[in-house]
């Protein structure tokens, strides 16, 4: 299975939705809460090519974007292969 990293904040409905999709697929992920660790926000922005909203989702070393981007990949059947499901 692929390594998934998701940058989140508390009370973010898009973060909750993205994590729910991953949970429903049985995918484990590393969650980095940038509201608890604000020093990691610049790292997230750099890794995400300048995007500063949450969630920012990475599968292995590939940035796939935010929640809507992940949902679009799932709807088109491209998410499961990235996750090695």
PDB file of N, CA and C in Angstrom:
ATOM      1  N   UNK A   1       0.841  -1.180   0.000  1.00  0.00           N
ATOM      2  CA  UNK A   1       0.000   0.000   0.000  1.00  0.00           C
ATOM      3  C   UNK A   1       0.887   1.244   0.000  1.00  0.00           C
ATOM      4  N   UNK A   2       0.404   2.287  -0.616  1.00  0.00           N
ATOM      5  CA  UNK A   2       1.148   3.537  -0.721  1.00  0.00           C
ATOM      6  C   UNK A   2       1.193   4.267   0.614  1.00  0.00           C
ATOM      7  N   UNK A   3       2.192   5.141   0.746  1.00  0.00           N
ATOM      8  CA  UNK A   3       2.297   5.986   1.930  1.00  0.00           C
ATOM      9  C   UNK A   3       1.531   7.276   1.662  1.00  0.00           C
ATOM     10  N   UNK A   4       0.580   7.584   2.526  1.00  0.00           N
ATOM     11  CA  UNK A   4      -0.268   8.761   2.362  1.00  0.00           C
ATOM     12  C   UNK A   4       0.007   9.727   3.509  1.00  0.00           C
ATOM     13  N   UNK A   5       0.201  10.989   3.146  1.00  0.00           N
ATOM     14  CA  UNK A   5       0.367  12.061   4.124  1.00  0.00           C
ATOM     15  C   UNK A   5      -0.692  13.107   3.831  1.00  0.00           C
ATOM     16  N   UNK A   6      -1.362  13.565   4.881  1.00  0.00           N
ATOM     17  CA  UNK A   6      -2.396  14.575   4.717  1.00  0.00           C
ATOM     18  C   UNK A   6      -2.184  15.672   5.759  1.00  0.00           C
ATOM     19  N   UNK A   7      -2.051  16.894   5.279  1.00  0.00           N
ATOM     20  CA  UNK A   7      -1.936  18.061   6.151  1.00  0.00           C
ATOM     21  C   UNK A   7      -3.339  18.572   6.428  1.00  0.00           C
ATOM     22  N   UNK A   8      -3.664  18.777   7.706  1.00  0.00           N
ATOM     23  CA  UNK A   8      -5.023  19.141   8.091  1.00  0.00           C
ATOM     24  C   UNK A   8      -5.030  20.225   9.168  1.00  0.00           C
ATOM     25  N   UNK A   9      -6.240  20.673   9.476  1.00  0.00           N
ATOM     26  CA  UNK A   9      -6.531  21.529  10.624  1.00  0.00           C
ATOM     27  C   UNK A   9      -7.797  20.985  11.275  1.00  0.00           C
ATOM     28  N   UNK A  10      -7.959  21.260  12.562  1.00  0.00           N
ATOM     29  CA  UNK A  10      -9.194  20.887  13.251  1.00  0.00           C
ATOM     30  C   UNK A  10     -10.354  21.698  12.676  1.00  0.00           C
ATOM     31  N   UNK A  11     -11.529  21.144  12.742  1.00  0.00           N
ATOM     32  CA  UNK A  11     -12.753  21.836  12.323  1.00  0.00           C
ATOM     33  C   UNK A  11     -12.758  22.201  10.836  1.00  0.00           C
ATOM     34  N   UNK A  12     -12.037  21.435  10.042  1.00  0.00           N
ATOM     35  CA  UNK A  12     -12.009  21.650   8.594  1.00  0.00           C
ATOM     36  C   UNK A  12     -12.872  20.566   7.947  1.00  0.00           C
ATOM     37  N   UNK A  13     -14.030  20.942   7.398  1.00  0.00           N
ATOM     38  CA  UNK A  13     -14.913  19.918   6.832  1.00  0.00           C
ATOM     39  C   UNK A  13     -14.289  19.184   5.641  1.00  0.00           C
ATOM     40  N   UNK A  14     -13.454  19.858   4.877  1.00  0.00           N
ATOM     41  CA  UNK A  14     -12.798  19.195   3.743  1.00  0.00           C
ATOM     42  C   UNK A  14     -11.778  18.171   4.237  1.00  0.00           C
ATOM     43  N   UNK A  15     -11.116  18.478   5.349  1.00  0.00           N
ATOM     44  CA  UNK A  15     -10.171  17.532   5.939  1.00  0.00           C
ATOM     45  C   UNK A  15     -10.914  16.291   6.426  1.00  0.00           C
ATOM     46  N   UNK A  16     -12.039  16.503   7.104  1.00  0.00           N
ATOM     47  CA  UNK A  16     -12.848  15.393   7.605  1.00  0.00           C
ATOM     48  C   UNK A  16     -13.312  14.521   6.440  1.00  0.00           C
ATOM     49  N   UNK A  17     -13.749  15.149   5.381  1.00  0.00           N
ATOM     50  CA  UNK A  17     -14.241  14.401   4.215  1.00  0.00           C
ATOM     51  C   UNK A  17     -13.123  13.589   3.569  1.00  0.00           C
ATOM     52  N   UNK A  18     -11.954  14.192   3.399  1.00  0.00           N
ATOM     53  CA  UNK A  18     -10.816  13.497   2.782  1.00  0.00           C
ATOM     54  C   UNK A  18     -10.390  12.307   3.639  1.00  0.00           C
ATOM     55  N   UNK A  19     -10.307  12.508   4.955  1.00  0.00           N
ATOM     56  CA  UNK A  19      -9.920  11.416   5.846  1.00  0.00           C
ATOM     57  C   UNK A  19     -10.971  10.313   5.838  1.00  0.00           C
ATOM     58  N   UNK A  20     -12.233  10.676   5.720  1.00  0.00           N
ATOM     59  CA  UNK A  20     -13.307   9.689   5.673  1.00  0.00           C
ATOM     60  C   UNK A  20     -13.182   8.797   4.435  1.00  0.00           C
ATOM     61  N   UNK A  21     -12.860   9.404   3.308  1.00  0.00           N
ATOM     62  CA  UNK A  21     -12.667   8.613   2.082  1.00  0.00           C
ATOM     63  C   UNK A  21     -11.533   7.615   2.284  1.00  0.00           C
ATOM     64  N   UNK A  22     -10.422   8.085   2.832  1.00  0.00           N
ATOM     65  CA  UNK A  22      -9.289   7.193   3.062  1.00  0.00           C
ATOM     66  C   UNK A  22      -9.640   6.107   4.072  1.00  0.00           C
ATOM     67  N   UNK A  23     -10.333   6.492   5.144  1.00  0.00           N
ATOM     68  CA  UNK A  23     -10.747   5.510   6.154  1.00  0.00           C
ATOM     69  C   UNK A  23     -11.649   4.445   5.546  1.00  0.00           C
ATOM     70  N   UNK A  24     -12.609   4.872   4.720  1.00  0.00           N
ATOM     71  CA  UNK A  24     -13.544   3.928   4.099  1.00  0.00           C
ATOM     72  C   UNK A  24     -12.843   2.961   3.156  1.00  0.00           C
ATOM     73  N   UNK A  25     -11.717   3.383   2.598  1.00  0.00           N
ATOM     74  CA  UNK A  25     -10.931   2.511   1.718  1.00  0.00           C
ATOM     75  C   UNK A  25      -9.949   1.648   2.507  1.00  0.00           C
ATOM     76  N   UNK A  26      -9.872   1.869   3.819  1.00  0.00           N
ATOM     77  CA  UNK A  26      -8.951   1.098   4.648  1.00  0.00           C
ATOM     78  C   UNK A  26      -7.507   1.522   4.505  1.00  0.00           C
ATOM     79  N   UNK A  27      -7.311   2.778   4.109  1.00  0.00           N
ATOM     80  CA  UNK A  27      -5.964   3.299   3.882  1.00  0.00           C
ATOM     81  C   UNK A  27      -5.465   3.988   5.144  1.00  0.00           C
ATOM     82  N   UNK A  28      -4.280   3.609   5.591  1.00  0.00           N
ATOM     83  CA  UNK A  28      -3.682   4.318   6.714  1.00  0.00           C
ATOM     84  C   UNK A  28      -2.954   5.541   6.173  1.00  0.00           C
ATOM     85  N   UNK A  29      -2.855   6.553   7.009  1.00  0.00           N
ATOM     86  CA  UNK A  29      -2.218   7.796   6.563  1.00  0.00           C
ATOM     87  C   UNK A  29      -1.570   8.485   7.741  1.00  0.00           C
ATOM     88  N   UNK A  30      -0.597   9.320   7.418  1.00  0.00           N
ATOM     89  CA  UNK A  30       0.030  10.174   8.412  1.00  0.00           C
ATOM     90  C   UNK A  30      -0.671  11.515   8.347  1.00  0.00           C
ATOM     91  N   UNK A  31      -1.267  11.922   9.448  1.00  0.00           N
ATOM     92  CA  UNK A  31      -1.940  13.216   9.511  1.00  0.00           C
ATOM     93  C   UNK A  31      -1.017  14.216  10.190  1.00  0.00           C
ATOM     94  N   UNK A  32      -0.805  15.339   9.539  1.00  0.00           N
ATOM     95  CA  UNK A  32      -0.003  16.420  10.111  1.00  0.00           C
ATOM     96  C   UNK A  32      -0.930  17.593  10.339  1.00  0.00           C
ATOM     97  N   UNK A  33      -1.196  17.889  11.599  1.00  0.00           N
ATOM     98  CA  UNK A  33      -2.111  18.971  11.970  1.00  0.00           C
ATOM     99  C   UNK A  33      -1.327  20.281  12.031  1.00  0.00           C
ATOM    100  N   UNK A  34      -1.491  21.126  11.021  1.00  0.00           N
ATOM    101  CA  UNK A  34      -0.721  22.371  11.003  1.00  0.00           C
ATOM    102  C   UNK A  34      -1.274  23.414  11.963  1.00  0.00           C
ATOM    103  N   UNK A  35      -2.462  23.179  12.530  1.00  0.00           N
ATOM    104  CA  UNK A  35      -2.933  24.076  13.579  1.00  0.00           C
ATOM    105  C   UNK A  35      -2.239  23.760  14.905  1.00  0.00           C
ATOM    106  N   UNK A  36      -1.828  22.512  15.087  1.00  0.00           N
ATOM    107  CA  UNK A  36      -1.088  22.129  16.290  1.00  0.00           C
ATOM    108  C   UNK A  36       0.413  22.324  16.123  1.00  0.00           C
ATOM    109  N   UNK A  37       0.880  22.237  14.881  1.00  0.00           N
ATOM    110  CA  UNK A  37       2.305  22.389  14.580  1.00  0.00           C
ATOM    111  C   UNK A  37       2.462  23.421  13.462  1.00  0.00           C
ATOM    112  N   UNK A  38       2.235  24.706  13.760  1.00  0.00           N
ATOM    113  CA  UNK A  38       2.283  25.733  12.717  1.00  0.00           C
ATOM    114  C   UNK A  38       3.651  25.860  12.057  1.00  0.00           C
ATOM    115  N   UNK A  39       4.693  25.386  12.704  1.00  0.00           N
ATOM    116  CA  UNK A  39       6.021  25.435  12.101  1.00  0.00           C
ATOM    117  C   UNK A  39       6.133  24.534  10.869  1.00  0.00           C
ATOM    118  N   UNK A  40       5.170  23.610  10.691  1.00  0.00           N
ATOM    119  CA  UNK A  40       5.179  22.732   9.518  1.00  0.00           C
ATOM    120  C   UNK A  40       4.381  23.291   8.342  1.00  0.00           C
ATOM    121  N   UNK A  41       3.709  24.395   8.539  1.00  0.00           N
ATOM    122  CA  UNK A  41       2.932  25.014   7.453  1.00  0.00           C
ATOM    123  C   UNK A  41       3.810  25.405   6.262  1.00  0.00           C
ATOM    124  N   UNK A  42       4.976  26.058   6.473  1.00  0.00           N
ATOM    125  CA  UNK A  42       5.827  26.374   5.319  1.00  0.00           C
ATOM    126  C   UNK A  42       6.270  25.132   4.545  1.00  0.00           C
ATOM    127  N   UNK A  43       6.522  24.037   5.253  1.00  0.00           N
ATOM    128  CA  UNK A  43       6.880  22.779   4.594  1.00  0.00           C
ATOM    129  C   UNK A  43       5.738  22.309   3.699  1.00  0.00           C
ATOM    130  N   UNK A  44       4.513  22.374   4.222  1.00  0.00           N
ATOM    131  CA  UNK A  44       3.340  21.974   3.451  1.00  0.00           C
ATOM    132  C   UNK A  44       3.213  22.821   2.193  1.00  0.00           C
ATOM    133  N   UNK A  45       3.336  24.131   2.340  1.00  0.00           N
ATOM    134  CA  UNK A  45       3.187  25.047   1.204  1.00  0.00           C
ATOM    135  C   UNK A  45       4.247  24.766   0.151  1.00  0.00           C
ATOM    136  N   UNK A  46       5.467  24.521   0.584  1.00  0.00           N
ATOM    137  CA  UNK A  46       6.536  24.215  -0.365  1.00  0.00           C
ATOM    138  C   UNK A  46       6.266  22.901  -1.085  1.00  0.00           C
ATOM    139  N   UNK A  47       5.909  21.875  -0.331  1.00  0.00           N
ATOM    140  CA  UNK A  47       5.630  20.565  -0.940  1.00  0.00           C
ATOM    141  C   UNK A  47       4.438  20.642  -1.895  1.00  0.00           C
ATOM    142  N   UNK A  48       3.475  21.522  -1.582  1.00  0.00           N
ATOM    143  CA  UNK A  48       2.245  21.620  -2.367  1.00  0.00           C
ATOM    144  C   UNK A  48       2.349  22.640  -3.499  1.00  0.00           C
ATOM    145  N   UNK A  49       3.536  23.098  -3.802  1.00  0.00           N
ATOM    146  CA  UNK A  49       3.717  24.020  -4.926  1.00  0.00           C
ATOM    147  C   UNK A  49       3.072  25.371  -4.704  1.00  0.00           C
ATOM    148  N   UNK A  50       3.026  25.819  -3.444  1.00  0.00           N
ATOM    149  CA  UNK A  50       2.476  27.129  -3.135  1.00  0.00           C
ATOM    150  C   UNK A  50       1.046  27.119  -2.627  1.00  0.00           C
ATOM    151  N   UNK A  51       0.396  25.989  -2.673  1.00  0.00           N
ATOM    152  CA  UNK A  51      -0.980  25.918  -2.163  1.00  0.00           C
ATOM    153  C   UNK A  51      -0.963  25.955  -0.641  1.00  0.00           C
ATOM    154  N   UNK A  52      -1.830  26.781  -0.065  1.00  0.00           N
ATOM    155  CA  UNK A  52      -1.786  26.982   1.382  1.00  0.00           C
ATOM    156  C   UNK A  52      -3.056  26.539   2.109  1.00  0.00           C
ATOM    157  N   UNK A  53      -4.032  26.045   1.372  1.00  0.00           N
ATOM    158  CA  UNK A  53      -5.266  25.583   2.011  1.00  0.00           C
ATOM    159  C   UNK A  53      -5.111  24.136   2.474  1.00  0.00           C
ATOM    160  N   UNK A  54      -5.977  23.733   3.387  1.00  0.00           N
ATOM    161  CA  UNK A  54      -5.980  22.337   3.818  1.00  0.00           C
ATOM    162  C   UNK A  54      -7.287  21.681   3.415  1.00  0.00           C
ATOM    163  N   UNK A  55      -7.280  20.400   3.182  1.00  0.00           N
ATOM    164  CA  UNK A  55      -6.138  19.511   3.300  1.00  0.00           C
ATOM    165  C   UNK A  55      -5.238  19.586   2.072  1.00  0.00           C
ATOM    166  N   UNK A  56      -3.998  19.205   2.252  1.00  0.00           N
ATOM    167  CA  UNK A  56      -3.083  18.941   1.150  1.00  0.00           C
ATOM    168  C   UNK A  56      -2.683  17.485   1.300  1.00  0.00           C
ATOM    169  N   UNK A  57      -2.860  16.731   0.223  1.00  0.00           N
ATOM    170  CA  UNK A  57      -2.734  15.279   0.279  1.00  0.00           C
ATOM    171  C   UNK A  57      -1.608  14.827  -0.648  1.00  0.00           C
ATOM    172  N   UNK A  58      -0.792  13.919  -0.109  1.00  0.00           N
ATOM    173  CA  UNK A  58       0.336  13.361  -0.848  1.00  0.00           C
ATOM    174  C   UNK A  58       0.245  11.846  -0.798  1.00  0.00           C
ATOM    175  N   UNK A  59       0.432  11.226  -1.950  1.00  0.00           N
ATOM    176  CA  UNK A  59       0.497   9.777  -2.040  1.00  0.00           C
ATOM    177  C   UNK A  59       1.902   9.449  -2.505  1.00  0.00           C
ATOM    178  N   UNK A  60       2.630   8.740  -1.641  1.00  0.00           N
ATOM    179  CA  UNK A  60       4.063   8.547  -1.806  1.00  0.00           C
ATOM    180  C   UNK A  60       4.681   9.944  -1.934  1.00  0.00           C
ATOM    181  N   UNK A  61       5.388  10.252  -2.968  1.00  0.00           N
ATOM    182  CA  UNK A  61       5.972  11.594  -3.080  1.00  0.00           C
ATOM    183  C   UNK A  61       5.145  12.503  -3.994  1.00  0.00           C
ATOM    184  N   UNK A  62       4.012  12.014  -4.461  1.00  0.00           N
ATOM    185  CA  UNK A  62       3.187  12.768  -5.413  1.00  0.00           C
ATOM    186  C   UNK A  62       2.127  13.609  -4.698  1.00  0.00           C
ATOM    187  N   UNK A  63       2.102  14.894  -5.021  1.00  0.00           N
ATOM    188  CA  UNK A  63       1.079  15.785  -4.490  1.00  0.00           C
ATOM    189  C   UNK A  63      -0.177  15.605  -5.341  1.00  0.00           C
ATOM    190  N   UNK A  64      -1.273  15.214  -4.708  1.00  0.00           N
ATOM    191  CA  UNK A  64      -2.507  15.049  -5.484  1.00  0.00           C
ATOM    192  C   UNK A  64      -3.466  16.205  -5.282  1.00  0.00           C
ATOM    193  N   UNK A  65      -3.162  17.109  -4.356  1.00  0.00           N
ATOM    194  CA  UNK A  65      -3.990  18.293  -4.165  1.00  0.00           C
ATOM    195  C   UNK A  65      -4.824  18.208  -2.903  1.00  0.00           C
ATOM    196  N   UNK A  66      -5.984  18.827  -2.955  1.00  0.00           N
ATOM    197  CA  UNK A  66      -6.881  18.887  -1.807  1.00  0.00           C
ATOM    198  C   UNK A  66      -7.991  17.864  -1.893  1.00  0.00           C
ATOM    199  N   UNK A  67      -9.001  18.062  -1.093  1.00  0.00           N
ATOM    200  CA  UNK A  67     -10.121  17.127  -1.019  1.00  0.00           C
ATOM    201  C   UNK A  67     -10.833  16.995  -2.363  1.00  0.00           C
ATOM    202  N   UNK A  68     -11.164  18.113  -2.991  1.00  0.00           N
ATOM    203  CA  UNK A  68     -11.877  18.052  -4.274  1.00  0.00           C
ATOM    204  C   UNK A  68     -11.047  17.335  -5.333  1.00  0.00           C
ATOM    205  N   UNK A  69      -9.734  17.555  -5.309  1.00  0.00           N
ATOM    206  CA  UNK A  69      -8.853  16.874  -6.263  1.00  0.00           C
ATOM    207  C   UNK A  69      -8.867  15.367  -6.029  1.00  0.00           C
ATOM    208  N   UNK A  70      -8.822  14.971  -4.756  1.00  0.00           N
ATOM    209  CA  UNK A  70      -8.846  13.545  -4.440  1.00  0.00           C
ATOM    210  C   UNK A  70     -10.189  12.926  -4.820  1.00  0.00           C
ATOM    211  N   UNK A  71     -11.279  13.652  -4.582  1.00  0.00           N
ATOM    212  CA  UNK A  71     -12.606  13.150  -4.950  1.00  0.00           C
ATOM    213  C   UNK A  71     -12.723  12.970  -6.460  1.00  0.00           C
ATOM    214  N   UNK A  72     -12.143  13.892  -7.223  1.00  0.00           N
ATOM    215  CA  UNK A  72     -12.174  13.777  -8.685  1.00  0.00           C
ATOM    216  C   UNK A  72     -11.368  12.555  -9.144  1.00  0.00           C
ATOM    217  N   UNK A  73     -10.218  12.326  -8.510  1.00  0.00           N
ATOM    218  CA  UNK A  73      -9.439  11.135  -8.846  1.00  0.00           C
ATOM    219  C   UNK A  73     -10.228   9.869  -8.532  1.00  0.00           C
ATOM    220  N   UNK A  74     -10.923   9.865  -7.400  1.00  0.00           N
ATOM    221  CA  UNK A  74     -11.708   8.703  -7.021  1.00  0.00           C
ATOM    222  C   UNK A  74     -12.852   8.475  -8.010  1.00  0.00           C
ATOM    223  N   UNK A  75     -13.542   9.548  -8.380  1.00  0.00           N
ATOM    224  CA  UNK A  75     -14.671   9.429  -9.305  1.00  0.00           C
ATOM    225  C   UNK A  75     -14.242   8.919 -10.676  1.00  0.00           C
ATOM    226  N   UNK A  76     -13.012   9.251 -11.077  1.00  0.00           N
ATOM    227  CA  UNK A  76     -12.529   8.819 -12.391  1.00  0.00           C
ATOM    228  C   UNK A  76     -11.822   7.461 -12.346  1.00  0.00           C
ATOM    229  N   UNK A  77     -11.775   6.847 -11.155  1.00  0.00           N
ATOM    230  CA  UNK A  77     -11.149   5.535 -11.028  1.00  0.00           C
ATOM    231  C   UNK A  77      -9.636   5.575 -10.942  1.00  0.00           C
ATOM    232  N   UNK A  78      -9.070   6.746 -10.749  1.00  0.00           N
ATOM    233  CA  UNK A  78      -7.611   6.872 -10.723  1.00  0.00           C
ATOM    234  C   UNK A  78      -7.017   6.833  -9.312  1.00  0.00           C
ATOM    235  N   UNK A  79      -7.843   6.963  -8.274  1.00  0.00           N
ATOM    236  CA  UNK A  79      -7.323   7.007  -6.913  1.00  0.00           C
ATOM    237  C   UNK A  79      -6.856   5.639  -6.423  1.00  0.00           C
ATOM    238  N   UNK A  80      -7.657   4.621  -6.604  1.00  0.00           N
ATOM    239  CA  UNK A  80      -7.291   3.295  -6.100  1.00  0.00           C
ATOM    240  C   UNK A  80      -5.951   2.815  -6.646  1.00  0.00           C
ATOM    241  N   UNK A  81      -5.656   2.957  -7.945  1.00  0.00           N
ATOM    242  CA  UNK A  81      -4.336   2.551  -8.422  1.00  0.00           C
ATOM    243  C   UNK A  81      -3.189   3.322  -7.767  1.00  0.00           C
ATOM    244  N   UNK A  82      -3.406   4.620  -7.487  1.00  0.00           N
ATOM    245  CA  UNK A  82      -2.371   5.402  -6.802  1.00  0.00           C
ATOM    246  C   UNK A  82      -2.138   4.878  -5.393  1.00  0.00           C
ATOM    247  N   UNK A  83      -3.207   4.405  -4.761  1.00  0.00           N
ATOM    248  CA  UNK A  83      -3.128   3.872  -3.402  1.00  0.00           C
ATOM    249  C   UNK A  83      -2.682   2.408  -3.382  1.00  0.00           C
ATOM    250  N   UNK A  84      -2.496   1.831  -4.564  1.00  0.00           N
ATOM    251  CA  UNK A  84      -2.144   0.409  -4.694  1.00  0.00           C
ATOM    252  C   UNK A  84      -3.190  -0.489  -4.050  1.00  0.00           C
ATOM    253  N   UNK A  85      -4.464  -0.171  -4.303  1.00  0.00           N
ATOM    254  CA  UNK A  85      -5.562  -0.989  -3.758  1.00  0.00           C
ATOM    255  C   UNK A  85      -5.998  -2.023  -4.773  1.00  0.00           C
TER     256      UNK A  85
END
